[in-house]
Protein backbone atom coordinates (compact mmCIF):
# COMPACT_ATOMS: atom_id res chain seq x y z
CA MET A 1 71.94 23.99 -21.84
CA THR A 2 69.30 20.41 -21.51
CA LEU A 3 68.18 18.78 -23.93
CA ASP A 4 65.12 16.78 -23.99
CA LEU A 5 65.35 13.38 -24.26
CA ALA A 6 64.61 12.69 -28.40
CA ALA A 7 67.37 15.56 -28.25
CA ARG A 8 70.00 13.46 -26.48
CA LYS A 9 68.91 10.43 -28.41
CA ARG A 10 69.82 12.27 -31.90
CA ALA A 11 72.95 13.44 -29.78
CA LEU A 12 74.28 10.14 -29.49
CA LEU A 13 73.29 8.66 -33.05
CA ASP A 14 75.21 11.55 -34.28
CA MET A 15 78.76 10.26 -32.51
CA VAL A 16 77.94 6.62 -33.59
CA GLY A 17 78.21 6.86 -37.60
CA PRO A 18 79.44 9.29 -39.60
CA GLU A 19 76.43 9.88 -41.55
CA ARG A 20 75.67 12.25 -38.94
CA ALA A 21 78.56 13.52 -37.41
CA ALA A 22 78.48 17.44 -39.16
CA ARG A 23 74.73 17.74 -37.49
CA PRO A 24 74.85 21.49 -36.61
CA ASN A 25 72.44 20.64 -33.30
CA GLY A 26 74.11 17.35 -32.18
CA PRO A 27 76.25 16.75 -28.85
CA LYS A 28 78.02 20.09 -29.12
CA ALA A 29 74.86 21.55 -27.49
CA ALA A 30 74.53 19.22 -24.67
CA GLY A 31 75.37 20.18 -21.12
CA GLU A 32 76.74 18.29 -18.41
CA GLU A 33 73.41 16.60 -17.10
CA ASP A 34 73.03 16.09 -20.90
CA TRP A 35 76.34 14.54 -21.58
CA ALA A 36 75.51 12.07 -18.25
CA GLU A 37 72.91 10.83 -19.72
CA ILE A 38 74.25 10.42 -23.03
CA ASP A 39 76.77 8.03 -21.67
CA ALA A 40 74.68 6.45 -19.94
CA MET A 41 72.62 5.08 -22.85
CA ALA A 42 75.72 4.68 -24.80
CA ALA A 43 77.06 2.10 -21.73
CA GLN A 44 73.63 0.48 -21.83
CA HIS A 45 74.09 -0.46 -25.62
CA ARG A 46 77.67 -1.40 -25.31
CA LEU A 47 78.97 1.54 -27.88
CA GLN A 48 81.62 3.30 -26.02
CA PRO A 49 84.46 0.83 -27.46
CA TRP A 50 82.70 2.27 -30.52
CA LEU A 51 82.35 5.76 -29.34
CA HIS A 52 86.01 5.89 -28.44
CA ASP A 53 87.17 4.87 -31.47
CA ARG A 54 85.79 7.34 -33.34
CA PHE A 55 87.18 9.94 -31.13
CA ARG A 56 90.19 8.94 -30.86
CA ASN A 57 90.66 7.85 -34.56
CA GLY A 58 89.06 12.15 -35.39
CA GLY A 59 85.36 10.85 -36.02
CA ILE A 60 83.72 12.81 -33.16
CA ALA A 61 84.81 16.34 -33.71
CA ILE A 62 83.26 17.91 -30.93
CA PRO A 63 84.83 18.56 -27.56
CA VAL A 64 83.99 15.22 -25.23
CA PRO A 65 84.13 15.74 -21.50
CA GLN A 66 87.17 13.94 -20.49
CA PRO A 67 85.34 11.85 -17.60
CA VAL A 68 82.97 11.03 -20.68
CA SER A 69 86.09 9.76 -22.89
CA ASP A 70 87.99 8.06 -19.76
CA GLY A 71 85.30 5.84 -19.32
CA TRP A 72 84.92 5.00 -23.15
CA LYS A 73 88.56 4.06 -23.37
CA ASN A 74 88.37 2.26 -19.98
CA ALA A 75 85.01 0.30 -22.04
CA TYR A 76 87.39 -0.46 -24.76
CA ARG A 77 89.82 -2.16 -22.69
CA HIS A 78 87.14 -4.23 -21.25
CA ALA A 79 86.23 -5.33 -23.97
CA ALA A 80 89.83 -6.24 -25.53
CA LEU A 81 89.72 -8.34 -22.97
CA GLY A 82 86.23 -10.03 -23.10
CA ALA A 83 87.22 -10.52 -26.95
CA LEU A 84 90.00 -12.98 -25.34
CA THR A 85 87.67 -14.94 -23.69
CA ALA A 86 84.89 -14.73 -25.95
CA GLN A 87 87.06 -16.38 -28.27
CA ALA A 88 88.42 -18.67 -26.02
CA ALA A 89 84.85 -19.86 -25.14
CA LEU A 90 83.88 -20.12 -29.05
CA VAL A 91 87.00 -22.25 -30.00
CA ARG A 92 86.00 -24.88 -26.66
CA LEU A 93 82.27 -24.70 -27.79
CA SER A 94 83.38 -25.13 -31.64
CA THR A 95 85.67 -28.22 -30.78
CA ALA A 96 83.37 -29.94 -28.29
CA MET A 97 80.56 -30.00 -30.86
CA GLN A 98 82.96 -31.40 -33.64
CA ALA A 99 84.17 -33.79 -31.03
CA HIS A 100 80.31 -35.25 -30.73
CA SER A 101 79.51 -34.42 -34.04
CA VAL A 102 77.04 -31.70 -33.84
CA PRO A 103 76.61 -29.07 -37.07
CA MET A 104 76.99 -25.86 -35.27
CA VAL A 105 77.00 -22.57 -36.51
CA ALA A 106 78.27 -19.58 -34.48
CA LEU A 107 76.32 -16.53 -34.84
CA LYS A 108 76.04 -12.86 -35.00
CA GLY A 109 78.86 -11.41 -32.58
CA SER A 110 81.04 -14.63 -32.62
CA ARG A 111 81.73 -14.09 -36.90
CA LEU A 112 81.57 -10.00 -36.57
CA ALA A 113 83.85 -9.11 -33.70
CA PHE A 114 86.77 -11.11 -35.02
CA PHE A 115 86.33 -11.04 -39.06
CA ASP A 116 84.20 -8.04 -40.23
CA TYR A 117 85.31 -5.39 -37.01
CA ARG A 118 88.65 -4.05 -37.75
CA GLU A 119 89.10 -5.11 -33.68
CA ALA A 120 87.22 -7.26 -31.71
CA ALA A 121 87.25 -4.83 -28.78
CA LEU A 122 84.77 -2.80 -31.12
CA ARG A 123 81.68 -5.04 -30.75
CA PRO A 124 81.39 -6.33 -27.26
CA MET A 125 79.84 -9.36 -26.99
CA ARG A 126 77.14 -10.82 -23.80
CA ASP A 127 76.28 -14.53 -24.40
CA ILE A 128 77.90 -16.58 -26.99
CA ASP A 129 75.14 -17.48 -29.62
CA ILE A 130 75.44 -20.32 -31.29
CA LEU A 131 72.78 -22.70 -33.85
CA VAL A 132 72.54 -26.41 -33.95
CA ALA A 133 69.39 -28.53 -35.59
CA PRO A 134 66.41 -29.05 -33.37
CA GLU A 135 67.33 -33.13 -33.38
CA ASP A 136 70.65 -32.63 -32.10
CA LEU A 137 70.01 -31.22 -28.86
CA PRO A 138 70.52 -33.82 -26.84
CA ALA A 139 73.77 -34.57 -28.17
CA ALA A 140 74.70 -30.76 -27.96
CA LEU A 141 74.06 -30.81 -24.49
CA ASP A 142 75.94 -34.29 -24.39
CA ALA A 143 79.37 -31.73 -25.84
CA LEU A 144 78.41 -29.40 -23.19
CA ALA A 145 78.30 -31.55 -20.86
CA GLY A 146 81.98 -33.08 -21.83
CA ILE A 147 83.54 -29.79 -21.00
CA GLY A 148 82.32 -28.90 -17.42
CA CYS A 149 79.02 -26.94 -18.08
CA ASP A 150 76.20 -27.15 -15.89
CA ILE A 151 73.45 -28.38 -18.24
CA PRO A 152 69.73 -29.02 -17.12
CA GLN A 153 69.21 -31.94 -14.71
CA ASP A 154 65.89 -32.26 -16.89
CA ARG A 155 67.03 -32.30 -20.42
CA THR A 156 64.36 -33.33 -21.80
CA GLY A 157 61.95 -30.94 -20.07
CA ALA A 158 64.49 -28.49 -21.19
CA ILE A 159 64.60 -29.13 -24.85
CA ALA A 160 60.77 -29.45 -24.93
CA ARG A 161 60.08 -26.06 -23.35
CA ALA A 162 62.46 -24.82 -25.68
CA LEU A 163 61.21 -26.39 -28.96
CA GLU A 164 57.34 -25.51 -27.97
CA SER A 165 57.72 -21.43 -26.90
CA ASP A 166 61.47 -20.47 -27.52
CA LYS A 167 64.58 -20.02 -30.01
CA HIS A 168 67.20 -21.19 -27.87
CA LEU A 169 67.88 -22.91 -24.36
CA ALA A 170 67.52 -21.23 -21.27
CA PRO A 171 71.69 -19.33 -21.24
CA ILE A 172 74.19 -22.03 -19.97
CA ALA A 173 77.74 -20.98 -18.77
CA VAL A 174 80.89 -22.52 -20.15
CA PRO A 175 83.71 -22.92 -17.19
CA GLY A 176 86.88 -21.11 -17.46
CA CYS A 177 85.26 -18.18 -19.65
CA ASP A 178 83.54 -16.20 -17.87
CA ARG A 179 80.38 -16.54 -20.59
CA PHE A 180 77.04 -18.11 -21.31
CA VAL A 181 75.90 -19.86 -24.68
CA GLU A 182 73.12 -19.80 -25.59
CA VAL A 183 72.14 -23.07 -27.85
CA HIS A 184 69.33 -21.83 -30.36
CA HIS A 185 67.37 -23.80 -32.28
CA ARG A 186 66.33 -21.31 -35.08
CA ILE A 187 67.01 -17.54 -34.82
CA ALA A 188 63.70 -16.31 -34.11
CA ASP A 189 61.19 -16.90 -31.92
CA PRO A 190 58.50 -19.13 -32.79
CA GLY A 191 55.60 -17.02 -34.78
CA LEU A 192 58.09 -14.54 -35.98
CA PRO A 193 59.64 -14.14 -39.64
CA CYS A 194 62.27 -16.93 -39.85
CA ILE A 195 65.25 -18.17 -41.94
CA ALA A 196 65.45 -21.98 -41.73
CA THR A 197 67.71 -23.85 -39.16
CA ASP A 198 68.29 -26.55 -41.71
CA ALA A 199 69.29 -24.01 -44.80
CA ILE A 200 71.56 -22.19 -42.42
CA ILE A 201 73.61 -25.04 -41.28
CA ALA A 202 74.52 -25.92 -44.98
CA ALA A 203 74.73 -22.93 -46.78
CA SER A 204 77.55 -21.98 -43.67
CA ARG A 205 81.09 -21.37 -44.22
CA THR A 206 84.05 -22.11 -42.12
CA ASP A 207 87.09 -19.78 -40.58
CA SER A 208 89.98 -20.31 -38.94
CA LEU A 209 89.84 -18.66 -34.83
CA GLY A 210 92.15 -19.53 -32.60
CA GLY A 211 93.21 -22.72 -34.30
CA ALA A 212 90.06 -24.57 -34.52
CA THR A 213 87.70 -24.41 -37.39
CA VAL A 214 84.57 -22.56 -36.94
CA ALA A 215 81.37 -22.54 -38.86
CA PHE A 216 79.48 -18.91 -39.22
CA PRO A 217 76.59 -17.96 -41.50
CA SER A 218 77.13 -17.43 -45.19
CA PRO A 219 77.20 -13.30 -45.78
CA GLU A 220 73.74 -13.72 -46.96
CA HIS A 221 71.91 -15.49 -43.78
CA MET A 222 74.17 -13.30 -41.49
CA LEU A 223 72.38 -9.92 -42.88
CA GLY A 224 68.98 -11.95 -42.55
CA HIS A 225 69.62 -12.64 -39.27
CA LEU A 226 70.57 -9.20 -38.34
CA VAL A 227 67.65 -8.28 -39.46
CA LEU A 228 65.41 -10.50 -38.11
CA HIS A 229 67.10 -9.61 -34.72
CA ALA A 230 66.94 -6.68 -34.84
CA VAL A 231 62.91 -6.11 -36.03
CA TYR A 232 61.09 -8.71 -35.26
CA ASN A 233 63.09 -9.85 -32.53
CA HIS A 234 63.69 -6.91 -30.80
CA ARG A 235 61.36 -4.26 -32.07
CA PHE A 236 65.07 -2.36 -32.41
CA ASP A 237 66.26 -2.93 -28.64
CA CYS A 238 69.40 -4.44 -29.67
CA GLY A 239 70.18 -0.59 -30.20
CA PRO A 240 72.28 1.31 -32.73
CA LEU A 241 74.99 -1.41 -32.39
CA ALA A 242 73.02 -3.10 -34.87
CA LEU A 243 73.70 -0.55 -37.52
CA VAL A 244 77.08 -0.67 -37.08
CA ASP A 245 77.17 -4.44 -37.35
CA ILE A 246 75.43 -4.27 -40.88
CA ALA A 247 77.53 -1.72 -42.34
CA MET A 248 80.37 -3.40 -40.84
CA LEU A 249 78.84 -6.79 -42.62
CA LEU A 250 78.80 -4.62 -45.93
CA GLY A 251 81.74 -3.23 -45.72
CA ARG A 252 83.51 -6.69 -45.87
CA GLU A 253 81.49 -9.05 -48.00
CA THR A 254 79.80 -9.01 -50.92
CA ILE A 255 75.95 -9.71 -51.25
CA ASP A 256 73.89 -10.25 -53.88
CA ALA A 257 71.20 -7.35 -53.07
CA ALA A 258 68.50 -8.71 -55.94
CA ARG A 259 68.77 -12.24 -54.36
CA PHE A 260 68.68 -11.04 -50.82
CA ALA A 261 65.35 -9.44 -51.30
CA GLU A 262 63.67 -12.06 -52.81
CA GLN A 263 64.69 -14.35 -50.30
CA ALA A 264 63.13 -11.46 -47.55
CA GLN A 265 60.03 -11.22 -49.59
CA ALA A 266 60.00 -15.18 -49.85
CA GLY A 267 60.11 -15.08 -45.85
CA GLY A 268 57.51 -12.14 -45.51
CA TRP A 269 60.40 -10.01 -43.35
CA LEU A 270 61.15 -7.55 -46.53
CA PRO A 271 59.91 -4.52 -44.86
CA GLY A 272 61.77 -4.83 -42.41
CA ALA A 273 64.84 -5.41 -44.47
CA ARG A 274 64.26 -1.91 -45.91
CA LEU A 275 63.63 -0.53 -42.98
CA VAL A 276 66.76 -1.87 -41.19
CA LEU A 277 68.99 -0.61 -44.38
CA ALA A 278 67.05 3.02 -44.57
CA LEU A 279 68.33 3.13 -40.57
CA VAL A 280 71.89 2.03 -41.50
CA GLU A 281 72.24 4.28 -44.35
CA ARG A 282 70.63 7.48 -42.04
CA VAL A 283 73.48 6.54 -39.49
CA MET A 284 76.46 5.11 -40.79
CA GLY A 285 76.19 6.34 -44.97
CA PRO A 286 75.60 4.65 -48.03
CA THR A 287 76.07 1.13 -48.68
CA GLY A 288 75.81 0.74 -52.08
CA PHE A 289 72.95 -2.02 -51.17
CA ASP A 290 69.74 -1.26 -52.71
CA ILE A 291 66.38 -3.33 -51.59
CA GLY A 292 64.31 -0.56 -52.58
CA GLN A 293 64.73 0.80 -48.50
CA ALA A 294 64.29 4.69 -50.43
CA ALA A 295 60.44 3.50 -50.40
CA VAL A 296 60.48 3.30 -46.66
CA PRO A 297 58.01 6.56 -45.38
CA ARG A 298 60.26 9.43 -43.38
CA ASP A 299 58.05 9.00 -40.38
CA ILE A 300 58.53 5.28 -40.34
CA ILE A 301 62.35 5.85 -39.98
CA ALA A 302 61.71 8.58 -37.49
CA ASN A 303 60.40 6.25 -35.21
CA ALA A 304 62.32 3.67 -35.36
CA GLU A 305 65.28 5.33 -34.55
CA MET A 306 63.67 6.83 -31.52
CA LEU A 307 63.36 2.94 -30.95
CA LEU A 308 67.17 2.26 -30.97
CA LEU A 309 67.95 3.51 -27.43
CA GLN A 310 65.00 2.23 -25.47
CA ASP A 311 65.80 2.24 -21.51
CA PHE A 312 66.32 -1.56 -21.45
CA ASP A 313 64.52 -1.12 -17.61
CA GLN A 314 61.07 -0.47 -19.91
CA ARG A 315 61.60 -1.53 -23.15
CA GLU A 316 58.78 -4.39 -22.11
CA GLN A 317 55.79 -1.96 -22.45
CA VAL A 318 57.42 -1.55 -26.21
CA VAL A 319 57.68 -4.78 -26.90
CA LEU A 320 53.74 -4.80 -25.40
CA ALA A 321 52.78 -2.14 -28.05
CA SER A 322 54.07 -3.59 -30.72
CA GLN A 323 52.45 -7.02 -30.37
CA SER A 324 49.43 -5.42 -29.56
CA ALA A 325 49.40 -3.32 -32.75
CA ARG A 326 49.49 -6.43 -34.61
CA SER A 327 47.99 -9.03 -32.80
CA GLY A 328 45.31 -7.14 -30.52
CA LEU A 329 45.76 -6.11 -26.80
CA ALA A 330 43.83 -8.94 -25.11
CA ALA A 331 45.18 -11.40 -27.73
CA THR A 332 48.82 -10.29 -26.57
CA VAL A 333 48.26 -9.62 -23.34
CA LEU A 334 46.74 -13.53 -23.11
CA GLY A 335 49.41 -14.79 -24.76
CA ARG A 336 52.33 -13.69 -22.95
CA LEU A 337 50.59 -14.47 -19.42
CA ARG A 338 50.58 -18.21 -21.19
CA LYS A 339 54.42 -18.33 -21.95
CA GLY A 340 55.17 -16.79 -18.40
CA LEU A 341 53.03 -18.92 -16.65
CA ALA A 342 54.45 -21.99 -18.83
CA GLN A 343 58.18 -20.89 -17.33
CA ARG A 344 57.14 -21.80 -14.18
CA PRO A 345 58.19 -18.32 -12.72
CA ASP A 346 60.45 -18.02 -9.48
CA GLY A 347 57.87 -17.19 -6.34
CA GLY A 348 54.87 -18.97 -7.89
CA ARG A 349 52.30 -18.46 -10.38
CA LEU A 350 50.03 -15.51 -8.58
CA ARG A 351 52.88 -13.52 -7.42
CA TRP A 352 54.30 -13.43 -10.88
CA ILE A 353 50.96 -12.01 -11.92
CA SER A 354 50.73 -9.52 -9.28
CA THR A 355 54.37 -8.59 -9.98
CA ARG A 356 54.26 -7.76 -13.79
CA THR A 357 50.85 -6.90 -13.57
CA ALA A 358 52.00 -3.71 -11.38
CA ARG A 359 55.34 -3.33 -13.42
CA THR A 360 53.43 -2.68 -16.43
CA ILE A 361 51.16 -0.32 -15.35
CA ARG A 362 54.16 1.54 -13.76
CA GLN A 363 55.99 1.64 -17.02
CA ALA A 364 52.68 2.80 -18.83
CA ARG A 365 52.73 5.91 -16.40
CA ASP A 366 56.20 6.73 -17.58
CA PRO A 367 56.01 9.69 -19.90
CA ARG A 368 59.85 7.65 -22.20
CA SER A 369 58.01 4.66 -21.93
CA ARG A 370 54.45 6.10 -23.55
CA GLY A 371 56.49 7.43 -26.42
CA GLU A 372 58.61 4.43 -27.14
CA ALA A 373 55.39 2.52 -27.34
CA ASN A 374 53.60 4.89 -29.38
CA SER A 375 56.73 4.53 -31.82
CA GLY A 376 56.92 0.73 -31.15
CA ALA A 377 53.10 0.70 -32.48
CA ALA A 378 53.44 2.58 -35.34
CA VAL A 379 56.59 0.69 -36.60
CA ALA A 380 54.94 -2.66 -35.87
CA ARG A 381 51.64 -1.20 -37.77
CA TRP A 382 53.60 -0.32 -40.68
CA LEU A 383 55.12 -4.07 -41.13
CA ALA A 384 52.45 -5.72 -40.52
CA THR A 385 51.00 -3.73 -43.52
CA ALA A 386 53.58 -2.50 -46.10
CA PRO A 387 53.74 -4.41 -49.23
CA ALA A 388 56.20 -7.03 -49.18
CA SER A 389 54.88 -8.51 -52.66
CA GLY A 390 55.54 -7.79 -55.97
CA ASN A 391 58.89 -6.70 -58.09
CA PRO A 392 61.37 -6.70 -54.88
CA LEU A 393 63.42 -4.01 -55.91
CA ASP A 394 60.63 -1.77 -57.12
């Protein structure tokens, strides 16, 4: 039997979280072709180690084809080795920043993998994300140079571009660790809801990792960053792992829901926080953390769920539709062109414009891309119009 794309997405989500595991029309109906596509989505969104763990511990009760389960096991082993290189990179970075008197906070996966998940292998990481104050970016680059990183030749220009139009410097390789570091000066792109960098650094707390002292955001700021990252920065293209992240965090940390809701309301991102919590509970089960997520309309939750498993090759069309729903198509296109041209694209500006235009037209003709773009636009409109005032727990 062949499932349509929406059913394949639902089937994968059914295996990700315990709240969905007992659905009667989930992966049981999947055929060989369906399993191949479901597994491809799982690989793209770094879910295979998590699925392996759920499968080996009985969390996935349906038969999984042996080639698929073997692939999950191999991904788990690879992630276990990857956790060692991630830890090594994080220890080197923290030690180097301390030696240069640069306050540094390690973001997202660096905390989650080693302290909130039962095993670091269950939470694969790509880049190592760290946060420093904007005024400390020059000293941070000095610290990276001191451990052998190939930093930009034009430091002043690289910093100026990041401060003007991005949330971090371009990724920098950490030698000997097979990792890149993204040095952030803020946790969200300019123009989007954010939590102030100085507030995150001031409230950070330290833990010991690999014999080094590493600073991480407070639990409240960590949850806020996960919300902002998933909803406003990425329009859910970071995948279901974001929901698992939040469930793991809330399972290990005590966060004051009323205070968090007030912070989100003051920052203008309470609707996004509610939407994320509604998705977490829909996939992972009750959290016991109530910020009013029951008020999120069901159709918005359904649209956001479809965005959780976007194809990375087509997600640009979703972002374009989401931004256009908020700012208008013309303003969005012009803004994206200005930002792209400011980054001095390889091959020249005219070639970049023609390539970008051709790709956008190609994506717009794809049924999957159109469907996900429509969902993205619906969610964006709701986020822009949902009430974010009054009692945040109403």
